[in-house]
PDB file of N, CA and C in Angstrom:
ATOM      1  N   MET A   1       0.806  -1.108   0.045  1.00  0.00           N
ATOM      2  CA  MET A   1      -0.072  -0.047   0.026  1.00  0.00           C
ATOM      3  C   MET A   1       1.017   1.285  -0.067  1.00  0.00           C
ATOM      4  N   ASN A   2       0.600   2.227  -0.954  1.00  0.00           N
ATOM      5  CA  ASN A   2       1.421   3.328  -0.831  1.00  0.00           C
ATOM      6  C   ASN A   2       0.678   4.427  -0.177  1.00  0.00           C
ATOM      7  N   LYS A   3       1.493   5.190   0.728  1.00  0.00           N
ATOM      8  CA  LYS A   3       1.088   6.206   1.527  1.00  0.00           C
ATOM      9  C   LYS A   3       1.954   7.392   1.069  1.00  0.00           C
ATOM     10  N   TYR A   4       1.235   8.574   1.020  1.00  0.00           N
ATOM     11  CA  TYR A   4       1.781   9.721   0.511  1.00  0.00           C
ATOM     12  C   TYR A   4       1.980  10.751   1.800  1.00  0.00           C
ATOM     13  N   TYR A   5       3.167  11.405   2.044  1.00  0.00           N
ATOM     14  CA  TYR A   5       3.420  12.416   2.986  1.00  0.00           C
ATOM     15  C   TYR A   5       4.150  13.507   2.452  1.00  0.00           C
ATOM     16  N   ILE A   6       4.156  14.564   3.225  1.00  0.00           N
ATOM     17  CA  ILE A   6       4.994  15.846   2.877  1.00  0.00           C
ATOM     18  C   ILE A   6       6.092  15.581   4.180  1.00  0.00           C
ATOM     19  N   LEU A   7       7.361  15.771   3.632  1.00  0.00           N
ATOM     20  CA  LEU A   7       8.382  15.654   4.684  1.00  0.00           C
ATOM     21  C   LEU A   7       9.012  17.197   4.712  1.00  0.00           C
ATOM     22  N   ASN A   8       8.985  17.705   5.835  1.00  0.00           N
ATOM     23  CA  ASN A   8       9.601  19.078   5.894  1.00  0.00           C
ATOM     24  C   ASN A   8      10.967  18.884   6.951  1.00  0.00           C
ATOM     25  N   LEU A   9      12.048  19.327   6.364  1.00  0.00           N
ATOM     26  CA  LEU A   9      13.311  19.113   7.051  1.00  0.00           C
ATOM     27  C   LEU A   9      13.817  20.669   7.211  1.00  0.00           C
ATOM     28  N   ASP A  10      14.100  20.892   8.566  1.00  0.00           N
ATOM     29  CA  ASP A  10      14.541  22.184   8.960  1.00  0.00           C
ATOM     30  C   ASP A  10      15.722  22.135   9.995  1.00  0.00           C
ATOM     31  N   PRO A  11      16.898  21.674   9.715  1.00  0.00           N
ATOM     32  CA  PRO A  11      18.027  21.852  10.740  1.00  0.00           C
ATOM     33  C   PRO A  11      18.130  22.909  11.624  1.00  0.00           C
ATOM     34  N   GLN A  12      17.589  24.238  11.194  1.00  0.00           N
ATOM     35  CA  GLN A  12      17.669  25.308  11.860  1.00  0.00           C
ATOM     36  C   GLN A  12      16.617  25.572  12.958  1.00  0.00           C
ATOM     37  N   ALA A  13      15.773  24.561  13.005  1.00  0.00           N
ATOM     38  CA  ALA A  13      14.280  24.895  13.664  1.00  0.00           C
ATOM     39  C   ALA A  13      14.928  24.937  15.325  1.00  0.00           C
ATOM     40  N   THR A  14      14.112  25.800  15.955  1.00  0.00           N
ATOM     41  CA  THR A  14      14.342  26.015  17.218  1.00  0.00           C
ATOM     42  C   THR A  14      14.164  24.671  18.080  1.00  0.00           C
ATOM     43  N   HIS A  15      13.185  23.870  17.874  1.00  0.00           N
ATOM     44  CA  HIS A  15      12.638  22.819  18.670  1.00  0.00           C
ATOM     45  C   HIS A  15      13.225  21.547  17.795  1.00  0.00           C
ATOM     46  N   GLU A  16      13.564  20.695  18.606  1.00  0.00           N
ATOM     47  CA  GLU A  16      14.065  19.156  17.942  1.00  0.00           C
ATOM     48  C   GLU A  16      12.961  18.642  17.193  1.00  0.00           C
ATOM     49  N   TRP A  17      11.596  18.791  17.684  1.00  0.00           N
ATOM     50  CA  TRP A  17      10.697  18.104  17.031  1.00  0.00           C
ATOM     51  C   TRP A  17      10.175  18.553  15.514  1.00  0.00           C
ATOM     52  N   ASP A  18      10.571  20.035  15.599  1.00  0.00           N
ATOM     53  CA  ASP A  18      10.269  20.540  14.074  1.00  0.00           C
ATOM     54  C   ASP A  18      11.321  20.513  13.238  1.00  0.00           C
ATOM     55  N   ARG A  19      12.375  19.743  13.466  1.00  0.00           N
ATOM     56  CA  ARG A  19      13.738  19.616  12.642  1.00  0.00           C
ATOM     57  C   ARG A  19      13.248  18.828  11.299  1.00  0.00           C
ATOM     58  N   CYS A  20      12.259  17.605  11.744  1.00  0.00           N
ATOM     59  CA  CYS A  20      11.909  16.757  10.757  1.00  0.00           C
ATOM     60  C   CYS A  20      10.424  16.319  10.935  1.00  0.00           C
ATOM     61  N   VAL A  21       9.477  16.936  10.084  1.00  0.00           N
ATOM     62  CA  VAL A  21       8.143  16.723  10.325  1.00  0.00           C
ATOM     63  C   VAL A  21       7.755  16.005   9.143  1.00  0.00           C
ATOM     64  N   LEU A  22       6.826  15.153   9.361  1.00  0.00           N
ATOM     65  CA  LEU A  22       6.128  14.301   8.313  1.00  0.00           C
ATOM     66  C   LEU A  22       4.701  14.492   8.565  1.00  0.00           C
ATOM     67  N   ARG A  23       4.194  14.912   7.521  1.00  0.00           N
ATOM     68  CA  ARG A  23       2.442  15.305   7.419  1.00  0.00           C
ATOM     69  C   ARG A  23       1.655  14.635   6.433  1.00  0.00           C
ATOM     70  N   ASN A  24       0.411  14.459   6.597  1.00  0.00           N
ATOM     71  CA  ASN A  24      -0.432  14.041   5.737  1.00  0.00           C
ATOM     72  C   ASN A  24      -0.849  15.250   4.654  1.00  0.00           C
ATOM     73  N   PRO A  25      -0.667  15.090   3.541  1.00  0.00           N
ATOM     74  CA  PRO A  25      -0.986  16.192   2.564  1.00  0.00           C
ATOM     75  C   PRO A  25      -2.197  16.882   2.570  1.00  0.00           C
ATOM     76  N   LEU A  26      -3.090  16.001   2.709  1.00  0.00           N
ATOM     77  CA  LEU A  26      -4.512  16.629   2.833  1.00  0.00           C
ATOM     78  C   LEU A  26      -5.156  17.160   3.978  1.00  0.00           C
ATOM     79  N   THR A  27      -4.613  16.411   5.072  1.00  0.00           N
ATOM     80  CA  THR A  27      -5.282  16.871   6.383  1.00  0.00           C
ATOM     81  C   THR A  27      -4.114  17.717   7.368  1.00  0.00           C
ATOM     82  N   GLY A  28      -2.739  17.761   7.001  1.00  0.00           N
ATOM     83  CA  GLY A  28      -1.757  18.320   7.619  1.00  0.00           C
ATOM     84  C   GLY A  28      -1.341  17.484   8.960  1.00  0.00           C
ATOM     85  N   ALA A  29      -2.188  16.317   9.543  1.00  0.00           N
ATOM     86  CA  ALA A  29      -2.025  15.503  10.599  1.00  0.00           C
ATOM     87  C   ALA A  29      -0.477  14.899  10.474  1.00  0.00           C
ATOM     88  N   ARG A  30      -0.058  14.633  11.417  1.00  0.00           N
ATOM     89  CA  ARG A  30       1.206  13.857  11.558  1.00  0.00           C
ATOM     90  C   ARG A  30       0.709  12.435  11.595  1.00  0.00           C
ATOM     91  N   PRO A  31       1.467  11.567  10.792  1.00  0.00           N
ATOM     92  CA  PRO A  31       0.802  10.183  10.907  1.00  0.00           C
ATOM     93  C   PRO A  31       1.286   9.499  12.028  1.00  0.00           C
ATOM     94  N   ASP A  32       0.557   8.461  12.449  1.00  0.00           N
ATOM     95  CA  ASP A  32       0.930   7.720  13.722  1.00  0.00           C
ATOM     96  C   ASP A  32       1.235   6.395  13.114  1.00  0.00           C
ATOM     97  N   LEU A  33       2.676   6.105  12.585  1.00  0.00           N
ATOM     98  CA  LEU A  33       3.141   4.979  12.061  1.00  0.00           C
ATOM     99  C   LEU A  33       2.727   3.636  12.905  1.00  0.00           C
ATOM    100  N   ASN A  34       2.661   3.832  14.247  1.00  0.00           N
ATOM    101  CA  ASN A  34       2.338   2.352  14.987  1.00  0.00           C
ATOM    102  C   ASN A  34       1.054   2.159  14.493  1.00  0.00           C
ATOM    103  N   GLU A  35       0.039   3.070  14.390  1.00  0.00           N
ATOM    104  CA  GLU A  35      -1.347   2.805  14.254  1.00  0.00           C
ATOM    105  C   GLU A  35      -1.565   2.076  12.664  1.00  0.00           C
ATOM    106  N   GLU A  36      -0.687   2.700  11.845  1.00  0.00           N
ATOM    107  CA  GLU A  36      -0.746   2.148  10.384  1.00  0.00           C
ATOM    108  C   GLU A  36      -0.372   0.712  10.307  1.00  0.00           C
ATOM    109  N   ILE A  37       0.938   0.553  11.106  1.00  0.00           N
ATOM    110  CA  ILE A  37       1.430  -0.851  11.068  1.00  0.00           C
ATOM    111  C   ILE A  37       0.254  -1.849  11.837  1.00  0.00           C
ATOM    112  N   ALA A  38      -0.453  -1.418  12.779  1.00  0.00           N
ATOM    113  CA  ALA A  38      -1.237  -2.078  13.528  1.00  0.00           C
ATOM    114  C   ALA A  38      -2.373  -2.464  12.528  1.00  0.00           C
ATOM    115  N   GLN A  39      -2.870  -1.513  11.721  1.00  0.00           N
ATOM    116  CA  GLN A  39      -3.829  -1.792  10.662  1.00  0.00           C
ATOM    117  C   GLN A  39      -3.412  -2.739   9.636  1.00  0.00           C
ATOM    118  N   GLU A  40      -2.227  -2.972   9.323  1.00  0.00           N
ATOM    119  CA  GLU A  40      -1.774  -3.767   8.205  1.00  0.00           C
ATOM    120  C   GLU A  40      -1.924  -5.269   8.677  1.00  0.00           C
ATOM    121  N   ILE A  41      -1.767  -5.226  10.158  1.00  0.00           N
ATOM    122  CA  ILE A  41      -2.023  -6.733  10.675  1.00  0.00           C
ATOM    123  C   ILE A  41      -3.268  -6.978  11.195  1.00  0.00           C
ATOM    124  N   ASP A  42      -4.343  -6.166  10.896  1.00  0.00           N
ATOM    125  CA  ASP A  42      -5.506  -6.325  11.284  1.00  0.00           C
ATOM    126  C   ASP A  42      -5.712  -6.037  12.920  1.00  0.00           C
ATOM    127  N   SER A  43      -4.858  -5.367  13.477  1.00  0.00           N
ATOM    128  CA  SER A  43      -4.890  -5.073  14.911  1.00  0.00           C
ATOM    129  C   SER A  43      -5.269  -6.298  15.803  1.00  0.00           C
ATOM    130  N   GLN A  44      -4.662  -7.434  15.496  1.00  0.00           N
ATOM    131  CA  GLN A  44      -4.888  -8.530  16.259  1.00  0.00           C
ATOM    132  C   GLN A  44      -3.905  -8.708  17.432  1.00  0.00           C
ATOM    133  N   ALA A  45      -4.261  -8.971  18.743  1.00  0.00           N
ATOM    134  CA  ALA A  45      -3.406  -9.050  19.807  1.00  0.00           C
ATOM    135  C   ALA A  45      -2.290 -10.087  19.554  1.00  0.00           C
ATOM    136  N   GLY A  46      -1.182  -9.804  19.917  1.00  0.00           N
ATOM    137  CA  GLY A  46      -0.057 -10.612  20.087  1.00  0.00           C
ATOM    138  C   GLY A  46       1.284  -9.705  19.976  1.00  0.00           C
ATOM    139  N   SER A  47       2.488 -10.502  19.922  1.00  0.00           N
ATOM    140  CA  SER A  47       3.679  -9.834  19.677  1.00  0.00           C
ATOM    141  C   SER A  47       4.185 -10.217  18.289  1.00  0.00           C
ATOM    142  N   TYR A  48       4.472  -9.328  17.459  1.00  0.00           N
ATOM    143  CA  TYR A  48       5.015  -9.751  16.216  1.00  0.00           C
ATOM    144  C   TYR A  48       6.449  -9.387  15.859  1.00  0.00           C
ATOM    145  N   LEU A  49       7.227 -10.217  15.324  1.00  0.00           N
ATOM    146  CA  LEU A  49       8.479  -9.694  14.705  1.00  0.00           C
ATOM    147  C   LEU A  49       8.098  -9.261  13.189  1.00  0.00           C
ATOM    148  N   ILE A  50       8.149  -8.049  12.708  1.00  0.00           N
ATOM    149  CA  ILE A  50       8.065  -7.528  11.643  1.00  0.00           C
ATOM    150  C   ILE A  50       9.083  -7.003  10.862  1.00  0.00           C
ATOM    151  N   LYS A  51       8.974  -7.057   9.646  1.00  0.00           N
ATOM    152  CA  LYS A  51       9.843  -6.331   8.707  1.00  0.00           C
ATOM    153  C   LYS A  51       9.198  -5.240   7.970  1.00  0.00           C
ATOM    154  N   VAL A  52       9.737  -3.959   8.055  1.00  0.00           N
ATOM    155  CA  VAL A  52       9.030  -2.646   7.296  1.00  0.00           C
ATOM    156  C   VAL A  52       9.882  -2.271   6.376  1.00  0.00           C
ATOM    157  N   ASN A  53       9.394  -2.460   5.122  1.00  0.00           N
ATOM    158  CA  ASN A  53      10.293  -2.153   3.855  1.00  0.00           C
ATOM    159  C   ASN A  53       9.942  -0.454   3.710  1.00  0.00           C
ATOM    160  N   LEU A  54      10.858   0.254   3.867  1.00  0.00           N
ATOM    161  CA  LEU A  54      10.693   1.793   3.705  1.00  0.00           C
ATOM    162  C   LEU A  54      11.376   2.102   2.317  1.00  0.00           C
ATOM    163  N   GLN A  55      10.712   2.527   1.450  1.00  0.00           N
ATOM    164  CA  GLN A  55      11.145   3.078   0.109  1.00  0.00           C
ATOM    165  C   GLN A  55      10.825   4.258  -0.219  1.00  0.00           C
ATOM    166  N   ILE A  56      11.558   5.135  -0.214  1.00  0.00           N
ATOM    167  CA  ILE A  56      11.327   6.621  -0.416  1.00  0.00           C
ATOM    168  C   ILE A  56      11.598   7.219  -1.899  1.00  0.00           C
ATOM    169  N   GLU A  57      10.651   7.652  -2.716  1.00  0.00           N
ATOM    170  CA  GLU A  57      10.556   8.169  -3.863  1.00  0.00           C
ATOM    171  C   GLU A  57      10.258   9.822  -3.739  1.00  0.00           C
ATOM    172  N   ILE A  58      11.296  10.630  -4.059  1.00  0.00           N
ATOM    173  CA  ILE A  58      10.594  11.964  -3.970  1.00  0.00           C
ATOM    174  C   ILE A  58      10.051  12.473  -5.353  1.00  0.00           C
ATOM    175  N   LEU A  59       8.855  12.795  -5.150  1.00  0.00           N
ATOM    176  CA  LEU A  59       7.868  13.366  -6.235  1.00  0.00           C
ATOM    177  C   LEU A  59       8.176  14.796  -6.560  1.00  0.00           C
ATOM    178  N   GLU A  60       8.317  15.636  -5.506  1.00  0.00           N
ATOM    179  CA  GLU A  60       8.566  17.166  -5.774  1.00  0.00           C
ATOM    180  C   GLU A  60       9.240  17.709  -4.677  1.00  0.00           C
ATOM    181  N   GLN A  61      10.082  18.528  -5.183  1.00  0.00           N
ATOM    182  CA  GLN A  61      10.860  19.238  -3.870  1.00  0.00           C
ATOM    183  C   GLN A  61      10.593  20.875  -3.923  1.00  0.00           C
ATOM    184  N   GLY A  62      10.009  21.304  -3.093  1.00  0.00           N
ATOM    185  CA  GLY A  62       9.533  22.691  -2.909  1.00  0.00           C
ATOM    186  C   GLY A  62      10.751  23.557  -2.237  1.00  0.00           C
ATOM    187  N   ALA A  63      10.816  24.779  -2.754  1.00  0.00           N
ATOM    188  CA  ALA A  63      11.860  25.670  -2.181  1.00  0.00           C
ATOM    189  C   ALA A  63      11.653  25.876  -0.511  1.00  0.00           C
ATOM    190  N   THR A  64      12.616  26.062   0.066  1.00  0.00           N
ATOM    191  CA  THR A  64      12.513  26.400   1.419  1.00  0.00           C
ATOM    192  C   THR A  64      12.286  27.861   1.710  1.00  0.00           C
ATOM    193  N   PRO A  65      10.979  28.022   2.550  1.00  0.00           N
ATOM    194  CA  PRO A  65      10.703  29.459   2.700  1.00  0.00           C
ATOM    195  C   PRO A  65      11.725  30.049   3.531  1.00  0.00           C
ATOM    196  N   PRO A  66      11.946  31.405   3.399  1.00  0.00           N
ATOM    197  CA  PRO A  66      13.136  32.158   4.247  1.00  0.00           C
ATOM    198  C   PRO A  66      12.512  32.031   5.780  1.00  0.00           C
ATOM    199  N   ARG A  67      13.467  31.866   6.613  1.00  0.00           N
ATOM    200  CA  ARG A  67      13.143  31.660   8.079  1.00  0.00           C
ATOM    201  C   ARG A  67      12.727  33.329   8.573  1.00  0.00           C
ATOM    202  N   LYS A  68      11.888  33.305   9.560  1.00  0.00           N
ATOM    203  CA  LYS A  68      11.310  34.463  10.091  1.00  0.00           C
ATOM    204  C   LYS A  68      11.330  34.439  11.509  1.00  0.00           C
ATOM    205  N   THR A  69      11.795  35.283  12.228  1.00  0.00           N
ATOM    206  CA  THR A  69      11.810  35.133  13.638  1.00  0.00           C
ATOM    207  C   THR A  69      10.358  35.186  14.242  1.00  0.00           C
ATOM    208  N   VAL A  70      10.465  34.794  15.540  1.00  0.00           N
ATOM    209  CA  VAL A  70       9.103  34.778  16.261  1.00  0.00           C
ATOM    210  C   VAL A  70       8.624  36.380  16.325  1.00  0.00           C
ATOM    211  N   TRP A  71       9.703  37.078  16.437  1.00  0.00           N
ATOM    212  CA  TRP A  71       9.040  38.492  16.649  1.00  0.00           C
ATOM    213  C   TRP A  71       8.354  39.087  15.146  1.00  0.00           C
ATOM    214  N   GLU A  72       8.897  38.790  14.122  1.00  0.00           N
ATOM    215  CA  GLU A  72       8.520  39.284  12.799  1.00  0.00           C
ATOM    216  C   GLU A  72       7.120  38.387  12.674  1.00  0.00           C
ATOM    217  N   GLN A  73       7.028  37.225  12.969  1.00  0.00           N
ATOM    218  CA  GLN A  73       5.641  36.577  12.777  1.00  0.00           C
ATOM    219  C   GLN A  73       4.641  37.264  13.730  1.00  0.00           C
ATOM    220  N   LEU A  74       4.960  37.428  14.884  1.00  0.00           N
ATOM    221  CA  LEU A  74       3.996  38.099  15.925  1.00  0.00           C
ATOM    222  C   LEU A  74       3.593  39.559  15.522  1.00  0.00           C
ATOM    223  N   ALA A  75       4.751  40.355  14.989  1.00  0.00           N
ATOM    224  CA  ALA A  75       4.495  41.571  14.472  1.00  0.00           C
ATOM    225  C   ALA A  75       3.533  41.547  13.268  1.00  0.00           C
ATOM    226  N   ARG A  76       3.829  40.627  12.434  1.00  0.00           N
ATOM    227  CA  ARG A  76       2.949  40.447  11.076  1.00  0.00           C
ATOM    228  C   ARG A  76       1.494  40.291  11.366  1.00  0.00           C
ATOM    229  N   SER A  77       1.172  39.278  12.323  1.00  0.00           N
ATOM    230  CA  SER A  77      -0.065  39.065  12.723  1.00  0.00           C
ATOM    231  C   SER A  77      -0.849  40.029  13.520  1.00  0.00           C
ATOM    232  N   CYS A  78       0.047  40.794  14.262  1.00  0.00           N
ATOM    233  CA  CYS A  78      -0.770  41.844  15.217  1.00  0.00           C
ATOM    234  C   CYS A  78      -1.022  43.249  14.103  1.00  0.00           C
ATOM    235  N   VAL A  79      -0.424  43.461  13.206  1.00  0.00           N
ATOM    236  CA  VAL A  79      -0.662  44.593  12.378  1.00  0.00           C
ATOM    237  C   VAL A  79      -1.549  44.193  11.277  1.00  0.00           C
ATOM    238  N   ALA A  80      -1.778  42.953  11.025  1.00  0.00           N
ATOM    239  CA  ALA A  80      -2.763  42.524   9.838  1.00  0.00           C
ATOM    240  C   ALA A  80      -3.894  43.351   9.701  1.00  0.00           C
ATOM    241  N   GLY A  81      -4.636  43.642  10.904  1.00  0.00           N
ATOM    242  CA  GLY A  81      -6.020  44.099  10.549  1.00  0.00           C
ATOM    243  C   GLY A  81      -6.042  45.541  11.344  1.00  0.00           C
ATOM    244  N   VAL A  82      -4.892  46.065  11.843  1.00  0.00           N
ATOM    245  CA  VAL A  82      -4.883  47.363  12.354  1.00  0.00           C
ATOM    246  C   VAL A  82      -4.620  48.529  11.395  1.00  0.00           C
ATOM    247  N   PRO A  83      -5.535  49.595  11.405  1.00  0.00           N
ATOM    248  CA  PRO A  83      -5.373  50.596  10.507  1.00  0.00           C
ATOM    249  C   PRO A  83      -4.099  51.500  11.031  1.00  0.00           C
ATOM    250  N   PRO A  84      -3.310  52.287  10.046  1.00  0.00           N
ATOM    251  CA  PRO A  84      -2.371  53.032  10.553  1.00  0.00           C
ATOM    252  C   PRO A  84      -2.534  54.142  11.626  1.00  0.00           C
ATOM    253  N   VAL A  85      -1.832  54.400  12.376  1.00  0.00           N
ATOM    254  CA  VAL A  85      -1.900  55.437  13.586  1.00  0.00           C
ATOM    255  C   VAL A  85      -1.696  56.802  13.050  1.00  0.00           C
ATOM    256  N   GLU A  86      -2.319  57.846  13.483  1.00  0.00           N
ATOM    257  CA  GLU A  86      -2.216  59.014  12.830  1.00  0.00           C
ATOM    258  C   GLU A  86      -1.398  59.816  13.915  1.00  0.00           C
ATOM    259  N   GLN A  87      -0.425  60.495  13.345  1.00  0.00           N
ATOM    260  CA  GLN A  87       0.438  61.240  14.462  1.00  0.00           C
ATOM    261  C   GLN A  87       0.064  62.731  14.638  1.00  0.00           C
ATOM    262  N   THR A  88      -0.044  63.069  15.570  1.00  0.00           N
ATOM    263  CA  THR A  88      -0.421  64.648  15.890  1.00  0.00           C
ATOM    264  C   THR A  88       0.937  65.506  16.333  1.00  0.00           C
ATOM    265  N   SER A  89       0.945  66.564  15.781  1.00  0.00           N
ATOM    266  CA  SER A  89       2.021  67.405  16.308  1.00  0.00           C
ATOM    267  C   SER A  89       1.884  68.423  17.250  1.00  0.00           C
TER     268      SER A  89
END
């Protein structure tokens, strides 16, 4: 069975869990690979020695967006709907 995911690698990410992110391209959810393996064996109780064949084929590579600091992101979201302030002299 083929599964499709979006892999985002960011070695400069602040948090370790954001350095390598695998997501479903339709829902954006992170896959639970344990659950997917359990589904393949029909979730029957027991202990299993399994072999997982992981074959990766890159279908498309997107450009890496420029990194923004948290402050830039916060400033952009705060200013998004705020009208300009008039200065009085």
